[in-house]
Amino acid sequence: MDENRLAVISIIVEDRSSAAQINALLSEYGDCIVGRMGVPYRQKHISVMCIIADAPADVLNRLTGKIGSLQGVTAKTLFGRF
């Protein structure tokens, strides 16, 4: 079994029509999510999300990949050394 890693997934949403799909993915992976924050940046017509997660690296990479593959969405993961 892979060791869990603490990570922050940063998400920039340029196409709000992807919001329902993002929320569905976050619900699907809800067991590994520690917290989340979303901030609409109205002047730029985007939203920025920050997800704190604790799971094996392959699970976190899979989630990030699925989110980042959505239309108008960019996602990157930063892993902690814990």
C-alpha atoms as a PDB file:
ATOM      1  CA  MET A   1       0.000   0.000   0.000  1.00  0.00           C
ATOM      2  CA  ASP A   2       1.284   3.449  -0.920  1.00  0.00           C
ATOM      3  CA  GLU A   3       2.039   5.902   1.832  1.00  0.00           C
ATOM      4  CA  ASN A   4      -0.249   8.913   2.074  1.00  0.00           C
ATOM      5  CA  ARG A   5       1.070  12.316   1.067  1.00  0.00           C
ATOM      6  CA  LEU A   6      -0.212  15.724   2.092  1.00  0.00           C
ATOM      7  CA  ALA A   7      -0.814  17.938  -0.930  1.00  0.00           C
ATOM      8  CA  VAL A   8      -2.374  21.145  -2.110  1.00  0.00           C
ATOM      9  CA  ILE A   9      -4.217  21.050  -5.426  1.00  0.00           C
ATOM     10  CA  SER A  10      -4.512  24.488  -7.017  1.00  0.00           C
ATOM     11  CA  ILE A  11      -7.268  24.918  -9.578  1.00  0.00           C
ATOM     12  CA  ILE A  12      -8.023  27.844 -11.894  1.00  0.00           C
ATOM     13  CA  VAL A  13     -11.455  27.719 -13.504  1.00  0.00           C
ATOM     14  CA  GLU A  14     -11.880  29.836 -16.629  1.00  0.00           C
ATOM     15  CA  ASP A  15     -15.018  28.055 -17.876  1.00  0.00           C
ATOM     16  CA  ARG A  16     -17.727  27.978 -15.202  1.00  0.00           C
ATOM     17  CA  SER A  17     -19.645  25.328 -17.111  1.00  0.00           C
ATOM     18  CA  SER A  18     -17.076  22.838 -15.697  1.00  0.00           C
ATOM     19  CA  ALA A  19     -18.033  23.639 -12.084  1.00  0.00           C
ATOM     20  CA  ALA A  20     -20.511  20.761 -11.730  1.00  0.00           C
ATOM     21  CA  GLN A  21     -17.922  18.274 -13.015  1.00  0.00           C
ATOM     22  CA  ILE A  22     -15.287  19.630 -10.619  1.00  0.00           C
ATOM     23  CA  ASN A  23     -17.675  19.296  -7.681  1.00  0.00           C
ATOM     24  CA  ALA A  24     -18.592  15.755  -8.746  1.00  0.00           C
ATOM     25  CA  LEU A  25     -14.910  14.767  -8.821  1.00  0.00           C
ATOM     26  CA  LEU A  26     -14.265  16.378  -5.444  1.00  0.00           C
ATOM     27  CA  SER A  27     -17.215  14.448  -4.016  1.00  0.00           C
ATOM     28  CA  GLU A  28     -15.930  11.219  -5.562  1.00  0.00           C
ATOM     29  CA  TYR A  29     -12.557  11.761  -3.860  1.00  0.00           C
ATOM     30  CA  GLY A  30     -14.095  13.254  -0.713  1.00  0.00           C
ATOM     31  CA  ASP A  31     -12.499  10.716   1.638  1.00  0.00           C
ATOM     32  CA  CYS A  32      -9.049  12.178   0.962  1.00  0.00           C
ATOM     33  CA  ILE A  33     -10.011  15.868   1.050  1.00  0.00           C
ATOM     34  CA  VAL A  34      -9.070  17.681   4.255  1.00  0.00           C
ATOM     35  CA  GLY A  35     -10.385  21.103   3.234  1.00  0.00           C
ATOM     36  CA  ARG A  36     -11.197  23.330   0.310  1.00  0.00           C
ATOM     37  CA  MET A  37     -11.492  27.009  -0.470  1.00  0.00           C
ATOM     38  CA  GLY A  38     -12.847  28.704  -3.561  1.00  0.00           C
ATOM     39  CA  VAL A  39     -12.572  32.379  -4.427  1.00  0.00           C
ATOM     40  CA  PRO A  40     -14.288  34.005  -7.397  1.00  0.00           C
ATOM     41  CA  TYR A  41     -12.072  36.596  -9.062  1.00  0.00           C
ATOM     42  CA  ARG A  42     -14.828  38.581 -10.714  1.00  0.00           C
ATOM     43  CA  GLN A  43     -12.589  41.178 -12.378  1.00  0.00           C
ATOM     44  CA  LYS A  44     -10.855  38.398 -14.336  1.00  0.00           C
ATOM     45  CA  HIS A  45     -14.003  36.242 -14.756  1.00  0.00           C
ATOM     46  CA  ILE A  46     -12.283  33.213 -13.210  1.00  0.00           C
ATOM     47  CA  SER A  47     -12.439  31.229  -9.975  1.00  0.00           C
ATOM     48  CA  VAL A  48      -9.476  29.973  -7.974  1.00  0.00           C
ATOM     49  CA  MET A  49      -9.753  26.882  -5.778  1.00  0.00           C
ATOM     50  CA  CYS A  50      -7.381  25.386  -3.237  1.00  0.00           C
ATOM     51  CA  ILE A  51      -7.868  21.774  -2.145  1.00  0.00           C
ATOM     52  CA  ILE A  52      -5.922  20.261   0.754  1.00  0.00           C
ATOM     53  CA  ALA A  53      -5.761  16.487   0.425  1.00  0.00           C
ATOM     54  CA  ASP A  54      -4.159  13.510   2.175  1.00  0.00           C
ATOM     55  CA  ALA A  55      -3.865  10.358   0.040  1.00  0.00           C
ATOM     56  CA  PRO A  56      -1.346   8.242  -1.874  1.00  0.00           C
ATOM     57  CA  ALA A  57       0.462  10.189  -4.609  1.00  0.00           C
ATOM     58  CA  ASP A  58      -1.124   8.144  -7.406  1.00  0.00           C
ATOM     59  CA  VAL A  59      -4.622   8.986  -6.136  1.00  0.00           C
ATOM     60  CA  LEU A  60      -3.790  12.693  -5.899  1.00  0.00           C
ATOM     61  CA  ASN A  61      -2.236  12.667  -9.374  1.00  0.00           C
ATOM     62  CA  ARG A  62      -5.289  10.899 -10.779  1.00  0.00           C
ATOM     63  CA  LEU A  63      -7.638  13.483  -9.235  1.00  0.00           C
ATOM     64  CA  THR A  64      -5.506  16.382 -10.491  1.00  0.00           C
ATOM     65  CA  GLY A  65      -5.379  14.867 -13.974  1.00  0.00           C
ATOM     66  CA  LYS A  66      -9.138  14.402 -14.140  1.00  0.00           C
ATOM     67  CA  ILE A  67      -9.774  17.969 -12.975  1.00  0.00           C
ATOM     68  CA  GLY A  68      -7.129  19.431 -15.291  1.00  0.00           C
ATOM     69  CA  SER A  69      -8.585  17.629 -18.304  1.00  0.00           C
ATOM     70  CA  LEU A  70     -11.888  19.502 -17.983  1.00  0.00           C
ATOM     71  CA  GLN A  71     -12.689  22.309 -20.433  1.00  0.00           C
ATOM     72  CA  GLY A  72     -11.301  25.666 -19.270  1.00  0.00           C
ATOM     73  CA  VAL A  73      -9.689  24.260 -16.110  1.00  0.00           C
ATOM     74  CA  THR A  74      -6.032  24.182 -15.028  1.00  0.00           C
ATOM     75  CA  ALA A  75      -4.919  22.096 -12.036  1.00  0.00           C
ATOM     76  CA  LYS A  76      -1.515  21.546 -10.412  1.00  0.00           C
ATOM     77  CA  THR A  77      -0.475  19.662  -7.281  1.00  0.00           C
ATOM     78  CA  LEU A  78       2.146  20.606  -4.725  1.00  0.00           C
ATOM     79  CA  PHE A  79       3.252  17.736  -2.480  1.00  0.00           C
ATOM     80  CA  GLY A  80       4.474  18.247   1.053  1.00  0.00           C
ATOM     81  CA  ARG A  81       7.441  16.352   2.496  1.00  0.00           C
ATOM     82  CA  PHE A  82       5.483  14.740   5.309  1.00  0.00           C
END
